[in-house]
Amino acid sequence: MNVLTELLSITPSSVQPICVKELVSHLDQPSQPLSLPVIRFLLEHVRVDQATIEELSVFDRTQYHRRYLYQSDHVEVLILGWLNGQRSRIHDHEGSNCGVKVLKGEATETYFERAENGHIFALGSTKLERDQITSSCDNQIHQISNLQSNGQDLVTLHVYSPPLNAAKLYSLESNQIEKMTQDQWAYEI
């Protein structure tokens, strides 16, 4: 039974939390990219205990840190560690669906839109606390930040399907769009 068939057969009363290892084992099965609702469903049901968060979290003083947990042709799973004040560049997920779950701390997600002249402007921001989820499709422009007033670290779990092979980077100062490939964006966004 593939993960999509399995998810369709689940009734709300039969849903049990899954751990990160179980999530990864389910992701070995898809023969096609996951839809945004399936990504969101998986993130809603994955539970990560404090010991696992501490074990998997890595932080870097120069920029937030990505740690790959799983990657296939159709999906990838990462844990990101954010020190206070760190943020992604403003970007989209060209061709990929994305789901993000906050495992520790509080994330701020800011949404952007392009004006007719090509510049971007902020539409608004949302604070996401532990266990809250956000999801976006390929052309939605956003930025994730750790802006907590208490100076705490932020840890987030990300699922991309298909894997994030390209992205566009945006700037508030210019209407120029920078296209990035996977070997570039891993260090840029």
N, C-alpha and C. Protein backbone atom coordinates (compact mmCIF):
# COMPACT_ATOMS: atom_id res chain seq x y z
N MET A 1 0.85 -1.18 0.00
CA MET A 1 0.00 0.00 0.00
C MET A 1 0.90 1.24 0.00
N ASN A 2 0.67 2.16 -0.93
CA ASN A 2 1.51 3.36 -0.92
C ASN A 2 0.96 4.39 0.05
N VAL A 3 1.75 5.40 0.34
CA VAL A 3 1.39 6.37 1.37
C VAL A 3 0.11 7.11 1.03
N LEU A 4 -0.16 7.39 -0.23
CA LEU A 4 -1.37 8.11 -0.61
C LEU A 4 -2.60 7.25 -0.35
N THR A 5 -2.56 5.97 -0.74
CA THR A 5 -3.67 5.05 -0.48
C THR A 5 -3.87 4.89 1.02
N GLU A 6 -2.78 4.76 1.74
CA GLU A 6 -2.85 4.60 3.19
C GLU A 6 -3.50 5.83 3.84
N LEU A 7 -3.12 7.02 3.41
CA LEU A 7 -3.69 8.23 3.99
C LEU A 7 -5.18 8.36 3.67
N LEU A 8 -5.57 7.97 2.46
CA LEU A 8 -6.98 8.05 2.09
C LEU A 8 -7.84 7.09 2.89
N SER A 9 -7.26 6.01 3.39
CA SER A 9 -8.02 5.02 4.15
C SER A 9 -8.14 5.37 5.63
N ILE A 10 -7.47 6.41 6.07
CA ILE A 10 -7.47 6.77 7.49
C ILE A 10 -8.72 7.57 7.83
N THR A 11 -9.34 7.21 8.93
CA THR A 11 -10.45 8.00 9.45
C THR A 11 -9.92 8.80 10.62
N PRO A 12 -10.53 9.95 10.93
CA PRO A 12 -10.01 10.78 12.03
C PRO A 12 -9.84 10.04 13.34
N SER A 13 -10.73 9.08 13.65
CA SER A 13 -10.61 8.37 14.93
C SER A 13 -9.47 7.36 14.94
N SER A 14 -8.96 6.98 13.75
CA SER A 14 -7.89 5.99 13.69
C SER A 14 -6.50 6.60 13.60
N VAL A 15 -6.41 7.92 13.58
CA VAL A 15 -5.13 8.58 13.40
C VAL A 15 -4.30 8.49 14.67
N GLN A 16 -3.08 7.99 14.54
CA GLN A 16 -2.15 7.90 15.65
C GLN A 16 -0.92 8.75 15.33
N PRO A 17 -0.32 9.37 16.32
CA PRO A 17 0.91 10.12 16.06
C PRO A 17 2.01 9.19 15.55
N ILE A 18 2.88 9.73 14.71
CA ILE A 18 4.03 8.96 14.22
C ILE A 18 5.30 9.71 14.60
N CYS A 19 6.40 8.97 14.73
CA CYS A 19 7.68 9.60 15.04
C CYS A 19 8.42 9.89 13.74
N VAL A 20 9.54 10.57 13.83
CA VAL A 20 10.30 10.95 12.64
C VAL A 20 10.72 9.72 11.84
N LYS A 21 11.17 8.65 12.52
CA LYS A 21 11.58 7.43 11.82
C LYS A 21 10.42 6.84 11.02
N GLU A 22 9.22 6.84 11.61
CA GLU A 22 8.05 6.32 10.90
C GLU A 22 7.70 7.22 9.72
N LEU A 23 7.82 8.52 9.90
CA LEU A 23 7.58 9.45 8.79
C LEU A 23 8.49 9.12 7.62
N VAL A 24 9.77 8.96 7.91
CA VAL A 24 10.74 8.66 6.86
C VAL A 24 10.43 7.32 6.20
N SER A 25 10.02 6.32 6.98
CA SER A 25 9.71 5.02 6.38
C SER A 25 8.49 5.11 5.46
N HIS A 26 7.50 5.94 5.80
CA HIS A 26 6.35 6.15 4.91
C HIS A 26 6.79 6.82 3.61
N LEU A 27 7.79 7.66 3.69
CA LEU A 27 8.20 8.43 2.52
C LEU A 27 9.01 7.60 1.53
N ASP A 28 9.41 6.39 1.90
CA ASP A 28 10.07 5.49 0.95
C ASP A 28 9.09 4.99 -0.11
N GLN A 29 7.81 5.12 0.15
CA GLN A 29 6.80 4.49 -0.69
C GLN A 29 6.30 5.31 -1.88
N PRO A 30 6.21 6.63 -1.82
CA PRO A 30 5.57 7.35 -2.92
C PRO A 30 6.30 7.17 -4.26
N SER A 31 5.49 7.01 -5.30
CA SER A 31 6.06 6.92 -6.65
C SER A 31 5.81 8.21 -7.42
N GLN A 32 5.34 9.22 -6.70
CA GLN A 32 5.08 10.52 -7.30
C GLN A 32 5.19 11.58 -6.20
N PRO A 33 5.34 12.85 -6.59
CA PRO A 33 5.40 13.90 -5.56
C PRO A 33 4.13 13.93 -4.72
N LEU A 34 4.27 14.37 -3.48
CA LEU A 34 3.14 14.48 -2.56
C LEU A 34 2.42 15.80 -2.77
N SER A 35 1.11 15.77 -2.63
CA SER A 35 0.32 17.00 -2.72
C SER A 35 0.48 17.79 -1.43
N LEU A 36 0.11 19.05 -1.47
CA LEU A 36 0.18 19.90 -0.28
C LEU A 36 -0.70 19.36 0.85
N PRO A 37 -1.93 18.89 0.59
CA PRO A 37 -2.72 18.31 1.69
C PRO A 37 -2.07 17.09 2.33
N VAL A 38 -1.41 16.25 1.54
CA VAL A 38 -0.74 15.07 2.10
C VAL A 38 0.45 15.49 2.96
N ILE A 39 1.24 16.46 2.48
CA ILE A 39 2.36 16.97 3.28
C ILE A 39 1.86 17.52 4.60
N ARG A 40 0.81 18.30 4.54
CA ARG A 40 0.25 18.90 5.76
C ARG A 40 -0.25 17.80 6.71
N PHE A 41 -0.93 16.80 6.17
CA PHE A 41 -1.43 15.68 6.98
C PHE A 41 -0.28 14.98 7.70
N LEU A 42 0.78 14.69 6.97
CA LEU A 42 1.94 14.03 7.59
C LEU A 42 2.53 14.88 8.71
N LEU A 43 2.69 16.17 8.47
CA LEU A 43 3.26 17.04 9.50
C LEU A 43 2.34 17.17 10.71
N GLU A 44 1.04 17.15 10.48
CA GLU A 44 0.10 17.23 11.60
C GLU A 44 0.23 16.02 12.53
N HIS A 45 0.66 14.88 11.98
CA HIS A 45 0.67 13.65 12.77
C HIS A 45 2.05 13.19 13.21
N VAL A 46 3.08 13.88 12.79
CA VAL A 46 4.42 13.51 13.26
C VAL A 46 4.63 14.17 14.63
N ARG A 47 5.17 13.41 15.55
CA ARG A 47 5.50 13.91 16.89
C ARG A 47 7.00 13.73 17.10
N VAL A 48 7.65 14.78 17.54
CA VAL A 48 9.09 14.73 17.77
C VAL A 48 9.33 15.10 19.23
N ASP A 49 9.88 14.16 20.00
CA ASP A 49 10.12 14.42 21.42
C ASP A 49 11.34 15.32 21.60
N GLN A 50 11.46 15.88 22.78
CA GLN A 50 12.53 16.84 23.07
C GLN A 50 13.92 16.24 22.86
N ALA A 51 14.11 14.99 23.24
CA ALA A 51 15.42 14.35 23.08
C ALA A 51 15.80 14.24 21.61
N THR A 52 14.84 13.91 20.76
CA THR A 52 15.11 13.81 19.32
C THR A 52 15.39 15.18 18.72
N ILE A 53 14.65 16.19 19.17
CA ILE A 53 14.91 17.56 18.70
C ILE A 53 16.34 17.96 19.03
N GLU A 54 16.75 17.71 20.26
CA GLU A 54 18.11 18.06 20.68
C GLU A 54 19.16 17.28 19.88
N GLU A 55 18.88 16.01 19.63
CA GLU A 55 19.82 15.15 18.89
C GLU A 55 19.98 15.61 17.44
N LEU A 56 18.89 16.04 16.81
CA LEU A 56 18.91 16.37 15.38
C LEU A 56 19.22 17.83 15.08
N SER A 57 19.13 18.69 16.09
CA SER A 57 19.32 20.13 15.87
C SER A 57 20.79 20.50 15.77
N VAL A 58 21.11 21.30 14.78
CA VAL A 58 22.46 21.85 14.61
C VAL A 58 22.29 23.34 14.37
N PHE A 59 23.17 24.14 14.97
CA PHE A 59 23.09 25.59 14.82
C PHE A 59 24.42 26.12 14.30
N ASP A 60 24.36 27.22 13.57
CA ASP A 60 25.53 27.84 12.95
C ASP A 60 25.43 29.35 13.17
N ARG A 61 26.47 29.96 13.66
CA ARG A 61 26.43 31.40 13.95
C ARG A 61 26.31 32.27 12.70
N THR A 62 26.75 31.75 11.53
CA THR A 62 26.74 32.58 10.32
C THR A 62 25.39 32.57 9.61
N GLN A 63 24.65 31.47 9.68
CA GLN A 63 23.32 31.39 9.07
C GLN A 63 22.60 30.17 9.63
N TYR A 64 21.30 30.12 9.40
CA TYR A 64 20.57 28.96 9.90
C TYR A 64 21.13 27.70 9.25
N HIS A 65 20.96 26.56 9.92
CA HIS A 65 21.59 25.32 9.47
C HIS A 65 20.55 24.31 9.00
N ARG A 66 20.79 23.70 7.84
CA ARG A 66 19.94 22.64 7.29
C ARG A 66 20.56 21.28 7.58
N ARG A 67 19.72 20.35 8.01
CA ARG A 67 20.18 18.96 8.18
C ARG A 67 19.19 18.05 7.46
N TYR A 68 19.70 17.35 6.45
CA TYR A 68 18.85 16.43 5.69
C TYR A 68 18.59 15.17 6.50
N LEU A 69 17.30 14.79 6.59
CA LEU A 69 16.92 13.55 7.24
C LEU A 69 16.58 12.48 6.21
N TYR A 70 16.09 12.92 5.04
CA TYR A 70 15.67 11.97 4.02
C TYR A 70 15.57 12.70 2.69
N GLN A 71 15.93 11.99 1.60
CA GLN A 71 15.75 12.54 0.27
C GLN A 71 15.55 11.41 -0.73
N SER A 72 14.55 11.57 -1.60
CA SER A 72 14.31 10.64 -2.70
C SER A 72 14.01 11.47 -3.94
N ASP A 73 13.61 10.82 -5.00
CA ASP A 73 13.24 11.56 -6.21
C ASP A 73 11.98 12.39 -6.02
N HIS A 74 11.16 12.03 -5.02
CA HIS A 74 9.84 12.64 -4.88
C HIS A 74 9.65 13.51 -3.64
N VAL A 75 10.52 13.36 -2.65
CA VAL A 75 10.31 14.10 -1.40
C VAL A 75 11.63 14.23 -0.64
N GLU A 76 11.75 15.31 0.14
CA GLU A 76 12.89 15.45 1.04
C GLU A 76 12.40 16.02 2.36
N VAL A 77 13.10 15.63 3.44
CA VAL A 77 12.77 16.06 4.79
C VAL A 77 14.02 16.63 5.42
N LEU A 78 13.89 17.82 6.01
CA LEU A 78 15.03 18.49 6.66
C LEU A 78 14.60 19.02 8.02
N ILE A 79 15.59 19.13 8.91
CA ILE A 79 15.41 19.88 10.16
C ILE A 79 16.31 21.09 10.05
N LEU A 80 15.75 22.26 10.35
CA LEU A 80 16.52 23.50 10.30
C LEU A 80 16.67 24.06 11.71
N GLY A 81 17.88 24.50 12.04
CA GLY A 81 18.18 25.12 13.32
C GLY A 81 18.46 26.60 13.10
N TRP A 82 17.74 27.45 13.81
CA TRP A 82 17.82 28.90 13.65
C TRP A 82 18.22 29.54 14.98
N LEU A 83 19.32 30.24 15.01
CA LEU A 83 19.65 31.04 16.18
C LEU A 83 18.79 32.30 16.15
N ASN A 84 18.66 32.93 17.30
CA ASN A 84 17.84 34.13 17.38
C ASN A 84 18.35 35.19 16.41
N GLY A 85 17.43 35.79 15.66
CA GLY A 85 17.77 36.83 14.69
C GLY A 85 18.03 36.31 13.29
N GLN A 86 18.19 35.01 13.11
CA GLN A 86 18.44 34.47 11.77
C GLN A 86 17.14 34.37 10.99
N ARG A 87 17.28 34.52 9.66
CA ARG A 87 16.12 34.42 8.79
C ARG A 87 16.54 33.94 7.42
N SER A 88 15.59 33.36 6.70
CA SER A 88 15.86 32.98 5.32
C SER A 88 15.84 34.24 4.46
N ARG A 89 16.36 34.12 3.27
CA ARG A 89 16.15 35.19 2.30
C ARG A 89 14.70 35.08 1.82
N ILE A 90 14.20 36.11 1.22
CA ILE A 90 12.85 36.09 0.67
C ILE A 90 12.89 35.21 -0.57
N HIS A 91 12.03 34.19 -0.63
CA HIS A 91 12.13 33.19 -1.69
C HIS A 91 10.79 32.53 -1.98
N ASP A 92 10.77 31.79 -3.09
CA ASP A 92 9.66 30.87 -3.37
C ASP A 92 10.24 29.46 -3.46
N HIS A 93 9.41 28.50 -3.82
CA HIS A 93 9.85 27.10 -3.91
C HIS A 93 9.59 26.57 -5.30
N GLU A 94 10.09 27.24 -6.27
CA GLU A 94 9.84 26.95 -7.69
C GLU A 94 9.65 25.46 -7.98
N GLY A 95 8.40 25.07 -8.23
CA GLY A 95 8.11 23.69 -8.61
C GLY A 95 7.92 22.72 -7.46
N SER A 96 8.00 23.15 -6.22
CA SER A 96 7.86 22.24 -5.07
C SER A 96 6.78 22.73 -4.11
N ASN A 97 6.10 21.77 -3.49
CA ASN A 97 5.22 22.07 -2.37
C ASN A 97 6.05 21.98 -1.11
N CYS A 98 5.69 22.78 -0.11
CA CYS A 98 6.48 22.83 1.13
C CYS A 98 5.55 22.84 2.34
N GLY A 99 5.93 22.07 3.35
CA GLY A 99 5.26 22.13 4.64
C GLY A 99 6.31 22.32 5.71
N VAL A 100 6.02 23.17 6.70
CA VAL A 100 6.95 23.46 7.79
C VAL A 100 6.20 23.30 9.11
N LYS A 101 6.82 22.56 10.04
CA LYS A 101 6.26 22.40 11.38
C LYS A 101 7.27 22.93 12.38
N VAL A 102 6.82 23.76 13.31
CA VAL A 102 7.69 24.27 14.36
C VAL A 102 7.84 23.19 15.43
N LEU A 103 9.10 22.81 15.70
CA LEU A 103 9.39 21.80 16.72
C LEU A 103 9.80 22.43 18.04
N LYS A 104 10.43 23.60 17.97
CA LYS A 104 10.91 24.28 19.18
C LYS A 104 10.95 25.77 18.90
N GLY A 105 10.45 26.57 19.83
CA GLY A 105 10.48 28.01 19.68
C GLY A 105 9.28 28.55 18.92
N GLU A 106 9.46 29.74 18.36
CA GLU A 106 8.40 30.42 17.62
C GLU A 106 8.98 31.00 16.34
N ALA A 107 8.38 30.65 15.20
CA ALA A 107 8.81 31.16 13.90
C ALA A 107 7.91 32.31 13.49
N THR A 108 8.47 33.22 12.72
CA THR A 108 7.68 34.27 12.08
C THR A 108 7.76 34.05 10.58
N GLU A 109 6.61 33.90 9.95
CA GLU A 109 6.56 33.76 8.49
C GLU A 109 5.96 35.04 7.92
N THR A 110 6.67 35.65 6.98
CA THR A 110 6.20 36.85 6.31
C THR A 110 5.89 36.50 4.86
N TYR A 111 4.72 36.91 4.40
CA TYR A 111 4.26 36.63 3.04
C TYR A 111 4.44 37.87 2.17
N PHE A 112 4.80 37.65 0.92
CA PHE A 112 5.04 38.75 -0.01
C PHE A 112 4.26 38.53 -1.30
N GLU A 113 4.06 39.63 -2.01
CA GLU A 113 3.43 39.59 -3.33
C GLU A 113 4.18 40.52 -4.25
N ARG A 114 4.13 40.24 -5.54
CA ARG A 114 4.79 41.10 -6.52
C ARG A 114 3.82 42.17 -7.00
N ALA A 115 4.30 43.41 -7.02
CA ALA A 115 3.53 44.53 -7.56
C ALA A 115 3.66 44.52 -9.09
N GLU A 116 2.87 45.33 -9.76
CA GLU A 116 2.92 45.38 -11.22
C GLU A 116 4.28 45.80 -11.75
N ASN A 117 5.04 46.59 -10.97
CA ASN A 117 6.36 47.02 -11.43
C ASN A 117 7.45 45.99 -11.14
N GLY A 118 7.07 44.82 -10.60
CA GLY A 118 8.03 43.76 -10.35
C GLY A 118 8.62 43.75 -8.96
N HIS A 119 8.47 44.83 -8.20
CA HIS A 119 8.95 44.86 -6.82
C HIS A 119 8.02 44.02 -5.95
N ILE A 120 8.52 43.59 -4.81
CA ILE A 120 7.68 42.83 -3.88
C ILE A 120 7.32 43.70 -2.68
N PHE A 121 6.22 43.34 -2.05
CA PHE A 121 5.81 44.03 -0.83
C PHE A 121 5.24 42.99 0.13
N ALA A 122 5.37 43.27 1.42
CA ALA A 122 4.88 42.35 2.45
C ALA A 122 3.37 42.44 2.56
N LEU A 123 2.74 41.29 2.60
CA LEU A 123 1.29 41.23 2.81
C LEU A 123 0.96 41.12 4.29
N GLY A 124 1.87 40.53 5.06
CA GLY A 124 1.64 40.35 6.48
C GLY A 124 2.53 39.25 7.03
N SER A 125 2.48 39.08 8.34
CA SER A 125 3.30 38.07 9.01
C SER A 125 2.43 37.26 9.95
N THR A 126 2.85 36.03 10.18
CA THR A 126 2.18 35.13 11.11
C THR A 126 3.22 34.53 12.04
N LYS A 127 2.88 34.45 13.33
CA LYS A 127 3.75 33.77 14.29
C LYS A 127 3.27 32.33 14.41
N LEU A 128 4.23 31.42 14.37
CA LEU A 128 3.94 29.99 14.47
C LEU A 128 4.63 29.44 15.70
N GLU A 129 3.85 28.88 16.61
CA GLU A 129 4.39 28.30 17.84
C GLU A 129 4.61 26.81 17.67
N ARG A 130 5.18 26.19 18.69
CA ARG A 130 5.46 24.74 18.66
C ARG A 130 4.24 23.97 18.17
N ASP A 131 4.50 23.02 17.26
CA ASP A 131 3.51 22.13 16.66
C ASP A 131 2.60 22.80 15.64
N GLN A 132 2.75 24.09 15.39
CA GLN A 132 1.96 24.73 14.35
C GLN A 132 2.64 24.51 13.00
N ILE A 133 1.82 24.50 11.95
CA ILE A 133 2.27 24.16 10.60
C ILE A 133 1.90 25.27 9.63
N THR A 134 2.79 25.50 8.68
CA THR A 134 2.48 26.36 7.54
C THR A 134 2.83 25.58 6.28
N SER A 135 2.14 25.88 5.21
CA SER A 135 2.43 25.20 3.95
C SER A 135 2.30 26.19 2.80
N SER A 136 3.05 25.92 1.75
CA SER A 136 3.00 26.81 0.58
C SER A 136 3.30 26.01 -0.68
N CYS A 137 2.77 26.52 -1.78
CA CYS A 137 3.06 25.87 -3.06
C CYS A 137 4.15 26.66 -3.77
N ASP A 138 4.53 26.19 -4.90
CA ASP A 138 5.76 26.61 -5.58
C ASP A 138 5.96 28.11 -5.76
N ASN A 139 4.93 28.86 -6.11
CA ASN A 139 5.15 30.27 -6.46
C ASN A 139 4.83 31.25 -5.34
N GLN A 140 4.49 30.77 -4.17
CA GLN A 140 4.21 31.66 -3.05
C GLN A 140 5.53 32.17 -2.48
N ILE A 141 5.62 33.49 -2.30
CA ILE A 141 6.85 34.13 -1.84
C ILE A 141 6.75 34.35 -0.34
N HIS A 142 7.80 33.94 0.39
CA HIS A 142 7.76 34.11 1.84
C HIS A 142 9.18 34.17 2.41
N GLN A 143 9.22 34.40 3.72
CA GLN A 143 10.47 34.42 4.48
C GLN A 143 10.16 33.86 5.86
N ILE A 144 11.04 33.00 6.36
CA ILE A 144 10.93 32.46 7.72
C ILE A 144 12.01 33.11 8.57
N SER A 145 11.65 33.53 9.79
CA SER A 145 12.59 34.22 10.68
C SER A 145 12.44 33.72 12.11
N ASN A 146 13.54 33.84 12.87
CA ASN A 146 13.51 33.61 14.31
C ASN A 146 13.64 34.98 14.97
N LEU A 147 12.51 35.55 15.34
CA LEU A 147 12.48 36.90 15.92
C LEU A 147 11.98 36.89 17.36
N GLN A 148 12.19 35.79 18.07
CA GLN A 148 11.68 35.66 19.43
C GLN A 148 12.32 36.69 20.36
N SER A 149 11.51 37.30 21.18
CA SER A 149 12.01 38.33 22.09
C SER A 149 12.84 37.74 23.23
N ASN A 150 12.69 36.45 23.49
CA ASN A 150 13.40 35.83 24.61
C ASN A 150 14.77 35.27 24.22
N GLY A 151 15.19 35.46 22.97
CA GLY A 151 16.50 35.01 22.53
C GLY A 151 16.64 33.52 22.30
N GLN A 152 15.53 32.78 22.28
CA GLN A 152 15.58 31.32 22.13
C GLN A 152 15.91 30.89 20.71
N ASP A 153 16.39 29.65 20.62
CA ASP A 153 16.61 29.03 19.32
C ASP A 153 15.27 28.56 18.75
N LEU A 154 15.27 28.37 17.43
CA LEU A 154 14.10 27.87 16.71
C LEU A 154 14.51 26.61 15.96
N VAL A 155 13.67 25.58 16.00
CA VAL A 155 13.90 24.36 15.23
C VAL A 155 12.63 24.06 14.44
N THR A 156 12.79 23.84 13.13
CA THR A 156 11.65 23.57 12.26
C THR A 156 11.89 22.30 11.44
N LEU A 157 10.80 21.60 11.14
CA LEU A 157 10.83 20.40 10.30
C LEU A 157 10.21 20.76 8.96
N HIS A 158 10.93 20.50 7.86
CA HIS A 158 10.48 20.89 6.51
C HIS A 158 10.32 19.65 5.64
N VAL A 159 9.21 19.60 4.89
CA VAL A 159 8.99 18.56 3.89
C VAL A 159 8.76 19.26 2.56
N TYR A 160 9.56 18.90 1.55
CA TYR A 160 9.43 19.44 0.20
C TYR A 160 9.11 18.30 -0.75
N SER A 161 8.15 18.51 -1.64
CA SER A 161 7.84 17.49 -2.64
C SER A 161 7.37 18.17 -3.92
N PRO A 162 8.03 17.89 -5.04
CA PRO A 162 9.29 17.16 -5.13
C PRO A 162 10.40 17.92 -4.40
N PRO A 163 11.58 17.31 -4.25
CA PRO A 163 12.69 18.00 -3.58
C PRO A 163 12.93 19.38 -4.19
N LEU A 164 13.36 20.29 -3.35
CA LEU A 164 13.58 21.67 -3.76
C LEU A 164 14.86 21.75 -4.60
N ASN A 165 14.70 21.71 -5.90
CA ASN A 165 15.85 21.75 -6.81
C ASN A 165 16.15 23.14 -7.33
N ALA A 166 15.20 24.06 -7.17
CA ALA A 166 15.40 25.43 -7.63
C ALA A 166 14.54 26.35 -6.78
N ALA A 167 14.92 27.60 -6.73
CA ALA A 167 14.15 28.61 -6.02
C ALA A 167 14.45 29.96 -6.64
N LYS A 168 13.54 30.89 -6.42
CA LYS A 168 13.79 32.27 -6.83
C LYS A 168 13.96 33.09 -5.56
N LEU A 169 14.96 33.96 -5.57
CA LEU A 169 15.22 34.86 -4.45
C LEU A 169 14.79 36.26 -4.83
N TYR A 170 14.19 36.96 -3.87
CA TYR A 170 13.65 38.29 -4.10
C TYR A 170 14.29 39.27 -3.14
N SER A 171 14.23 40.55 -3.50
CA SER A 171 14.80 41.61 -2.67
C SER A 171 13.79 42.74 -2.54
N LEU A 172 13.77 43.38 -1.39
CA LEU A 172 12.90 44.55 -1.21
C LEU A 172 13.45 45.77 -1.93
N GLU A 173 14.74 45.77 -2.23
CA GLU A 173 15.39 46.93 -2.85
C GLU A 173 15.35 46.93 -4.37
N SER A 174 15.05 45.81 -4.99
CA SER A 174 15.15 45.70 -6.44
C SER A 174 14.03 44.81 -6.96
N ASN A 175 13.70 44.99 -8.24
CA ASN A 175 12.71 44.09 -8.84
C ASN A 175 13.38 42.93 -9.57
N GLN A 176 14.68 42.79 -9.41
CA GLN A 176 15.42 41.69 -10.02
C GLN A 176 15.17 40.40 -9.23
N ILE A 177 14.99 39.31 -9.96
CA ILE A 177 14.79 38.00 -9.35
C ILE A 177 16.04 37.17 -9.61
N GLU A 178 16.55 36.57 -8.55
CA GLU A 178 17.74 35.72 -8.67
C GLU A 178 17.29 34.26 -8.67
N LYS A 179 17.60 33.54 -9.73
CA LYS A 179 17.24 32.12 -9.81
C LYS A 179 18.39 31.29 -9.26
N MET A 180 18.05 30.36 -8.38
CA MET A 180 19.05 29.52 -7.74
C MET A 180 18.77 28.06 -8.05
N THR A 181 19.85 27.29 -8.21
CA THR A 181 19.73 25.85 -8.33
C THR A 181 20.08 25.23 -6.99
N GLN A 182 19.84 23.93 -6.83
CA GLN A 182 20.02 23.29 -5.53
C GLN A 182 21.42 23.47 -4.97
N ASP A 183 22.45 23.35 -5.80
CA ASP A 183 23.80 23.48 -5.28
C ASP A 183 24.10 24.90 -4.82
N GLN A 184 23.33 25.88 -5.30
CA GLN A 184 23.51 27.27 -4.86
C GLN A 184 22.61 27.61 -3.67
N TRP A 185 21.32 27.24 -3.75
CA TRP A 185 20.38 27.73 -2.75
C TRP A 185 20.63 27.16 -1.37
N ALA A 186 21.24 26.01 -1.28
CA ALA A 186 21.48 25.41 0.04
C ALA A 186 22.27 26.35 0.94
N TYR A 187 22.98 27.28 0.35
CA TYR A 187 23.77 28.23 1.14
C TYR A 187 23.23 29.64 1.05
N GLU A 188 22.19 29.85 0.27
CA GLU A 188 21.72 31.20 0.00
C GLU A 188 20.38 31.56 0.63
N ILE A 189 19.42 30.61 0.70
CA ILE A 189 18.11 31.02 1.20
C ILE A 189 17.91 30.72 2.66
